[in-house]
Amino acid sequence: NIKVHNFGLDNTTKTSLMCVNGDKSSLYIGHRDVEVKLINISNFIKENKLSNIDLMKINIEGGEINALNGAKG
């Protein structure tokens, strides 16, 4: 029952440029040449009518606070 989504979580819904270098990626450093979709976490939860999340993998190298701030409200 695992669902993988092709977007990132953020405090706002937007597109952004990301650097992808082998198995590493970053919104913050390097030559950003790949456009990625970012979704506000609260909007995603509401739109998908999620009552609970059993497990969420967050590995966004310093962007965790920004993404989780999108869960307020």
PDB file of N, CA and C in Angstrom:
ATOM      1  N   ASN A   1       0.805  -1.200   0.000  1.00  0.00           N
ATOM      2  CA  ASN A   1       0.000   0.000   0.000  1.00  0.00           C
ATOM      3  C   ASN A   1       0.847   1.264   0.000  1.00  0.00           C
ATOM      4  N   ILE A   2       1.983   1.223  -0.654  1.00  0.00           N
ATOM      5  CA  ILE A   2       2.868   2.386  -0.733  1.00  0.00           C
ATOM      6  C   ILE A   2       2.559   3.139  -2.021  1.00  0.00           C
ATOM      7  N   LYS A   3       2.435   4.457  -1.905  1.00  0.00           N
ATOM      8  CA  LYS A   3       2.210   5.307  -3.079  1.00  0.00           C
ATOM      9  C   LYS A   3       3.385   6.249  -3.216  1.00  0.00           C
ATOM     10  N   VAL A   4       3.963   6.276  -4.406  1.00  0.00           N
ATOM     11  CA  VAL A   4       5.071   7.174  -4.704  1.00  0.00           C
ATOM     12  C   VAL A   4       4.538   8.258  -5.622  1.00  0.00           C
ATOM     13  N   HIS A   5       4.870   9.505  -5.328  1.00  0.00           N
ATOM     14  CA  HIS A   5       4.390  10.635  -6.123  1.00  0.00           C
ATOM     15  C   HIS A   5       5.570  11.323  -6.789  1.00  0.00           C
ATOM     16  N   ASN A   6       5.340  11.815  -7.997  1.00  0.00           N
ATOM     17  CA  ASN A   6       6.390  12.439  -8.793  1.00  0.00           C
ATOM     18  C   ASN A   6       6.412  13.956  -8.580  1.00  0.00           C
ATOM     19  N   PHE A   7       6.583  14.375  -7.335  1.00  0.00           N
ATOM     20  CA  PHE A   7       6.717  15.782  -7.002  1.00  0.00           C
ATOM     21  C   PHE A   7       7.331  15.892  -5.616  1.00  0.00           C
ATOM     22  N   GLY A   8       7.751  17.089  -5.284  1.00  0.00           N
ATOM     23  CA  GLY A   8       8.285  17.346  -3.955  1.00  0.00           C
ATOM     24  C   GLY A   8       7.286  18.105  -3.117  1.00  0.00           C
ATOM     25  N   LEU A   9       7.541  18.181  -1.834  1.00  0.00           N
ATOM     26  CA  LEU A   9       6.697  18.930  -0.920  1.00  0.00           C
ATOM     27  C   LEU A   9       7.392  20.219  -0.522  1.00  0.00           C
ATOM     28  N   ASP A  10       6.605  21.266  -0.384  1.00  0.00           N
ATOM     29  CA  ASP A  10       7.146  22.572  -0.028  1.00  0.00           C
ATOM     30  C   ASP A  10       6.072  23.332   0.738  1.00  0.00           C
ATOM     31  N   ASN A  11       6.363  24.565   1.114  1.00  0.00           N
ATOM     32  CA  ASN A  11       5.350  25.362   1.786  1.00  0.00           C
ATOM     33  C   ASN A  11       4.409  26.054   0.798  1.00  0.00           C
ATOM     34  N   THR A  12       4.746  26.039  -0.487  1.00  0.00           N
ATOM     35  CA  THR A  12       3.877  26.586  -1.533  1.00  0.00           C
ATOM     36  C   THR A  12       3.883  25.641  -2.734  1.00  0.00           C
ATOM     37  N   THR A  13       2.859  25.745  -3.561  1.00  0.00           N
ATOM     38  CA  THR A  13       2.803  24.970  -4.799  1.00  0.00           C
ATOM     39  C   THR A  13       3.432  25.813  -5.900  1.00  0.00           C
ATOM     40  N   LYS A  14       4.415  25.242  -6.587  1.00  0.00           N
ATOM     41  CA  LYS A  14       5.155  25.986  -7.616  1.00  0.00           C
ATOM     42  C   LYS A  14       6.016  25.019  -8.421  1.00  0.00           C
ATOM     43  N   THR A  15       6.647  25.519  -9.452  1.00  0.00           N
ATOM     44  CA  THR A  15       7.708  24.776 -10.124  1.00  0.00           C
ATOM     45  C   THR A  15       9.025  25.467  -9.776  1.00  0.00           C
ATOM     46  N   SER A  16      10.081  24.695  -9.750  1.00  0.00           N
ATOM     47  CA  SER A  16      11.389  25.232  -9.412  1.00  0.00           C
ATOM     48  C   SER A  16      12.445  24.487 -10.218  1.00  0.00           C
ATOM     49  N   LEU A  17      13.624  25.048 -10.294  1.00  0.00           N
ATOM     50  CA  LEU A  17      14.730  24.388 -10.974  1.00  0.00           C
ATOM     51  C   LEU A  17      15.601  23.671  -9.956  1.00  0.00           C
ATOM     52  N   MET A  18      16.000  22.447 -10.308  1.00  0.00           N
ATOM     53  CA  MET A  18      16.794  21.610  -9.416  1.00  0.00           C
ATOM     54  C   MET A  18      18.057  21.153 -10.137  1.00  0.00           C
ATOM     55  N   CYS A  19      19.137  21.079  -9.388  1.00  0.00           N
ATOM     56  CA  CYS A  19      20.374  20.499  -9.890  1.00  0.00           C
ATOM     57  C   CYS A  19      20.314  18.994  -9.665  1.00  0.00           C
ATOM     58  N   VAL A  20      20.564  18.220 -10.704  1.00  0.00           N
ATOM     59  CA  VAL A  20      20.643  16.769 -10.582  1.00  0.00           C
ATOM     60  C   VAL A  20      22.028  16.350 -11.043  1.00  0.00           C
ATOM     61  N   ASN A  21      22.766  15.663 -10.164  1.00  0.00           N
ATOM     62  CA  ASN A  21      24.129  15.251 -10.457  1.00  0.00           C
ATOM     63  C   ASN A  21      24.293  13.812  -9.979  1.00  0.00           C
ATOM     64  N   GLY A  22      24.123  12.858 -10.874  1.00  0.00           N
ATOM     65  CA  GLY A  22      24.211  11.450 -10.499  1.00  0.00           C
ATOM     66  C   GLY A  22      23.075  11.087  -9.566  1.00  0.00           C
ATOM     67  N   ASP A  23      23.418  10.585  -8.375  1.00  0.00           N
ATOM     68  CA  ASP A  23      22.388  10.220  -7.411  1.00  0.00           C
ATOM     69  C   ASP A  23      22.115  11.340  -6.412  1.00  0.00           C
ATOM     70  N   LYS A  24      22.624  12.546  -6.700  1.00  0.00           N
ATOM     71  CA  LYS A  24      22.421  13.698  -5.824  1.00  0.00           C
ATOM     72  C   LYS A  24      21.567  14.743  -6.526  1.00  0.00           C
ATOM     73  N   SER A  25      20.806  15.486  -5.745  1.00  0.00           N
ATOM     74  CA  SER A  25      20.024  16.583  -6.299  1.00  0.00           C
ATOM     75  C   SER A  25      19.894  17.683  -5.255  1.00  0.00           C
ATOM     76  N   SER A  26      19.672  18.923  -5.717  1.00  0.00           N
ATOM     77  CA  SER A  26      19.545  20.043  -4.790  1.00  0.00           C
ATOM     78  C   SER A  26      18.797  21.193  -5.437  1.00  0.00           C
ATOM     79  N   LEU A  27      17.967  21.837  -4.659  1.00  0.00           N
ATOM     80  CA  LEU A  27      17.342  23.093  -5.077  1.00  0.00           C
ATOM     81  C   LEU A  27      18.249  24.270  -4.761  1.00  0.00           C
ATOM     82  N   TYR A  28      19.294  24.039  -3.967  1.00  0.00           N
ATOM     83  CA  TYR A  28      20.069  25.126  -3.396  1.00  0.00           C
ATOM     84  C   TYR A  28      21.466  25.303  -3.978  1.00  0.00           C
ATOM     85  N   ILE A  29      22.102  24.227  -4.448  1.00  0.00           N
ATOM     86  CA  ILE A  29      23.472  24.362  -4.951  1.00  0.00           C
ATOM     87  C   ILE A  29      23.613  23.670  -6.298  1.00  0.00           C
ATOM     88  N   GLY A  30      24.606  24.089  -7.058  1.00  0.00           N
ATOM     89  CA  GLY A  30      24.902  23.477  -8.345  1.00  0.00           C
ATOM     90  C   GLY A  30      24.127  24.127  -9.485  1.00  0.00           C
ATOM     91  N   HIS A  31      24.410  23.655 -10.692  1.00  0.00           N
ATOM     92  CA  HIS A  31      23.734  24.150 -11.895  1.00  0.00           C
ATOM     93  C   HIS A  31      22.331  23.551 -11.964  1.00  0.00           C
ATOM     94  N   ARG A  32      21.329  24.390 -11.766  1.00  0.00           N
ATOM     95  CA  ARG A  32      19.941  23.921 -11.704  1.00  0.00           C
ATOM     96  C   ARG A  32      19.345  23.917 -13.103  1.00  0.00           C
ATOM     97  N   ASP A  33      19.113  22.727 -13.633  1.00  0.00           N
ATOM     98  CA  ASP A  33      18.656  22.625 -15.017  1.00  0.00           C
ATOM     99  C   ASP A  33      17.460  21.694 -15.210  1.00  0.00           C
ATOM    100  N   VAL A  34      16.912  21.156 -14.138  1.00  0.00           N
ATOM    101  CA  VAL A  34      15.764  20.257 -14.241  1.00  0.00           C
ATOM    102  C   VAL A  34      14.576  20.915 -13.544  1.00  0.00           C
ATOM    103  N   GLU A  35      13.479  21.086 -14.269  1.00  0.00           N
ATOM    104  CA  GLU A  35      12.290  21.681 -13.662  1.00  0.00           C
ATOM    105  C   GLU A  35      11.531  20.629 -12.862  1.00  0.00           C
ATOM    106  N   VAL A  36      11.189  20.965 -11.634  1.00  0.00           N
ATOM    107  CA  VAL A  36      10.470  20.041 -10.758  1.00  0.00           C
ATOM    108  C   VAL A  36       9.203  20.705 -10.230  1.00  0.00           C
ATOM    109  N   LYS A  37       8.221  19.881  -9.919  1.00  0.00           N
ATOM    110  CA  LYS A  37       6.963  20.351  -9.366  1.00  0.00           C
ATOM    111  C   LYS A  37       7.010  20.196  -7.850  1.00  0.00           C
ATOM    112  N   LEU A  38       6.645  21.264  -7.145  1.00  0.00           N
ATOM    113  CA  LEU A  38       6.575  21.251  -5.688  1.00  0.00           C
ATOM    114  C   LEU A  38       5.136  21.531  -5.279  1.00  0.00           C
ATOM    115  N   ILE A  39       4.651  20.793  -4.302  1.00  0.00           N
ATOM    116  CA  ILE A  39       3.264  20.874  -3.863  1.00  0.00           C
ATOM    117  C   ILE A  39       3.217  21.269  -2.394  1.00  0.00           C
ATOM    118  N   ASN A  40       2.290  22.159  -2.040  1.00  0.00           N
ATOM    119  CA  ASN A  40       2.059  22.503  -0.644  1.00  0.00           C
ATOM    120  C   ASN A  40       1.521  21.274   0.072  1.00  0.00           C
ATOM    121  N   ILE A  41       2.167  20.896   1.169  1.00  0.00           N
ATOM    122  CA  ILE A  41       1.824  19.656   1.865  1.00  0.00           C
ATOM    123  C   ILE A  41       0.385  19.668   2.398  1.00  0.00           C
ATOM    124  N   SER A  42      -0.076  20.797   2.941  1.00  0.00           N
ATOM    125  CA  SER A  42      -1.453  20.868   3.455  1.00  0.00           C
ATOM    126  C   SER A  42      -2.470  20.689   2.347  1.00  0.00           C
ATOM    127  N   ASN A  43      -2.222  21.334   1.210  1.00  0.00           N
ATOM    128  CA  ASN A  43      -3.134  21.184   0.069  1.00  0.00           C
ATOM    129  C   ASN A  43      -3.179  19.740  -0.408  1.00  0.00           C
ATOM    130  N   PHE A  44      -2.019  19.083  -0.455  1.00  0.00           N
ATOM    131  CA  PHE A  44      -1.973  17.688  -0.883  1.00  0.00           C
ATOM    132  C   PHE A  44      -2.790  16.798   0.052  1.00  0.00           C
ATOM    133  N   ILE A  45      -2.638  17.010   1.347  1.00  0.00           N
ATOM    134  CA  ILE A  45      -3.388  16.214   2.329  1.00  0.00           C
ATOM    135  C   ILE A  45      -4.890  16.426   2.169  1.00  0.00           C
ATOM    136  N   LYS A  46      -5.311  17.683   2.018  1.00  0.00           N
ATOM    137  CA  LYS A  46      -6.734  17.990   1.857  1.00  0.00           C
ATOM    138  C   LYS A  46      -7.293  17.435   0.555  1.00  0.00           C
ATOM    139  N   GLU A  47      -6.588  17.667  -0.551  1.00  0.00           N
ATOM    140  CA  GLU A  47      -7.067  17.223  -1.862  1.00  0.00           C
ATOM    141  C   GLU A  47      -7.177  15.706  -1.951  1.00  0.00           C
ATOM    142  N   ASN A  48      -6.335  14.987  -1.244  1.00  0.00           N
ATOM    143  CA  ASN A  48      -6.354  13.529  -1.272  1.00  0.00           C
ATOM    144  C   ASN A  48      -7.121  12.927  -0.099  1.00  0.00           C
ATOM    145  N   LYS A  49      -7.749  13.794   0.687  1.00  0.00           N
ATOM    146  CA  LYS A  49      -8.593  13.377   1.813  1.00  0.00           C
ATOM    147  C   LYS A  49      -7.879  12.371   2.722  1.00  0.00           C
ATOM    148  N   LEU A  50      -6.639  12.702   3.060  1.00  0.00           N
ATOM    149  CA  LEU A  50      -5.850  11.829   3.929  1.00  0.00           C
ATOM    150  C   LEU A  50      -6.191  12.122   5.383  1.00  0.00           C
ATOM    151  N   SER A  51      -6.556  11.094   6.123  1.00  0.00           N
ATOM    152  CA  SER A  51      -6.848  11.277   7.539  1.00  0.00           C
ATOM    153  C   SER A  51      -5.621  10.974   8.399  1.00  0.00           C
ATOM    154  N   ASN A  52      -4.697  10.200   7.854  1.00  0.00           N
ATOM    155  CA  ASN A  52      -3.449   9.939   8.558  1.00  0.00           C
ATOM    156  C   ASN A  52      -2.370   9.550   7.550  1.00  0.00           C
ATOM    157  N   ILE A  53      -1.122   9.752   7.948  1.00  0.00           N
ATOM    158  CA  ILE A  53       0.034   9.353   7.148  1.00  0.00           C
ATOM    159  C   ILE A  53       0.867   8.445   8.046  1.00  0.00           C
ATOM    160  N   ASP A  54       1.007   7.194   7.644  1.00  0.00           N
ATOM    161  CA  ASP A  54       1.753   6.235   8.458  1.00  0.00           C
ATOM    162  C   ASP A  54       3.260   6.442   8.368  1.00  0.00           C
ATOM    163  N   LEU A  55       3.747   6.821   7.202  1.00  0.00           N
ATOM    164  CA  LEU A  55       5.185   6.998   7.009  1.00  0.00           C
ATOM    165  C   LEU A  55       5.410   8.010   5.900  1.00  0.00           C
ATOM    166  N   MET A  56       6.308   8.949   6.135  1.00  0.00           N
ATOM    167  CA  MET A  56       6.675   9.916   5.108  1.00  0.00           C
ATOM    168  C   MET A  56       8.192  10.045   5.120  1.00  0.00           C
ATOM    169  N   LYS A  57       8.816   9.798   4.000  1.00  0.00           N
ATOM    170  CA  LYS A  57      10.269   9.932   3.869  1.00  0.00           C
ATOM    171  C   LYS A  57      10.581  11.369   3.501  1.00  0.00           C
ATOM    172  N   ILE A  58      11.337  12.030   4.344  1.00  0.00           N
ATOM    173  CA  ILE A  58      11.736  13.412   4.076  1.00  0.00           C
ATOM    174  C   ILE A  58      13.255  13.459   4.037  1.00  0.00           C
ATOM    175  N   ASN A  59      13.800  13.756   2.879  1.00  0.00           N
ATOM    176  CA  ASN A  59      15.243  13.861   2.701  1.00  0.00           C
ATOM    177  C   ASN A  59      15.476  14.992   1.718  1.00  0.00           C
ATOM    178  N   ILE A  60      15.354  16.211   2.201  1.00  0.00           N
ATOM    179  CA  ILE A  60      15.449  17.351   1.294  1.00  0.00           C
ATOM    180  C   ILE A  60      16.535  18.336   1.722  1.00  0.00           C
ATOM    181  N   GLU A  61      17.572  17.790   2.346  1.00  0.00           N
ATOM    182  CA  GLU A  61      18.831  18.492   2.606  1.00  0.00           C
ATOM    183  C   GLU A  61      18.667  19.953   3.011  1.00  0.00           C
ATOM    184  N   GLY A  62      18.038  20.183   4.137  1.00  0.00           N
ATOM    185  CA  GLY A  62      17.908  21.536   4.655  1.00  0.00           C
ATOM    186  C   GLY A  62      16.574  22.193   4.346  1.00  0.00           C
ATOM    187  N   GLY A  63      15.757  21.579   3.498  1.00  0.00           N
ATOM    188  CA  GLY A  63      14.465  22.155   3.149  1.00  0.00           C
ATOM    189  C   GLY A  63      13.320  21.602   3.975  1.00  0.00           C
ATOM    190  N   GLU A  64      13.631  20.759   4.953  1.00  0.00           N
ATOM    191  CA  GLU A  64      12.582  20.111   5.747  1.00  0.00           C
ATOM    192  C   GLU A  64      11.692  21.120   6.467  1.00  0.00           C
ATOM    193  N   ILE A  65      12.286  22.096   7.112  1.00  0.00           N
ATOM    194  CA  ILE A  65      11.513  23.094   7.863  1.00  0.00           C
ATOM    195  C   ILE A  65      10.600  23.859   6.922  1.00  0.00           C
ATOM    196  N   ASN A  66      11.115  24.250   5.772  1.00  0.00           N
ATOM    197  CA  ASN A  66      10.310  24.973   4.789  1.00  0.00           C
ATOM    198  C   ASN A  66       9.109  24.130   4.351  1.00  0.00           C
ATOM    199  N   ALA A  67       9.338  22.873   4.049  1.00  0.00           N
ATOM    200  CA  ALA A  67       8.242  21.999   3.622  1.00  0.00           C
ATOM    201  C   ALA A  67       7.235  21.787   4.744  1.00  0.00           C
ATOM    202  N   LEU A  68       7.728  21.507   5.941  1.00  0.00           N
ATOM    203  CA  LEU A  68       6.819  21.259   7.068  1.00  0.00           C
ATOM    204  C   LEU A  68       6.054  22.505   7.487  1.00  0.00           C
ATOM    205  N   ASN A  69       6.606  23.691   7.247  1.00  0.00           N
ATOM    206  CA  ASN A  69       5.849  24.916   7.501  1.00  0.00           C
ATOM    207  C   ASN A  69       4.605  24.976   6.629  1.00  0.00           C
ATOM    208  N   GLY A  70       4.625  24.292   5.485  1.00  0.00           N
ATOM    209  CA  GLY A  70       3.456  24.214   4.623  1.00  0.00           C
ATOM    210  C   GLY A  70       2.354  23.360   5.210  1.00  0.00           C
ATOM    211  N   ALA A  71       2.659  22.617   6.265  1.00  0.00           N
ATOM    212  CA  ALA A  71       1.662  21.753   6.897  1.00  0.00           C
ATOM    213  C   ALA A  71       0.887  22.487   7.975  1.00  0.00           C
ATOM    214  N   LYS A  72       1.263  23.694   8.274  1.00  0.00           N
ATOM    215  CA  LYS A  72       0.545  24.463   9.293  1.00  0.00           C
ATOM    216  C   LYS A  72      -0.789  24.914   8.738  1.00  0.00           C
ATOM    217  N   GLY A  73      -1.797  24.833   9.573  1.00  0.00           N
ATOM    218  CA  GLY A  73      -3.092  25.396   9.188  1.00  0.00           C
ATOM    219  C   GLY A  73      -4.066  24.483   8.666  1.00  0.00           C
TER     220      GLY A  73
END
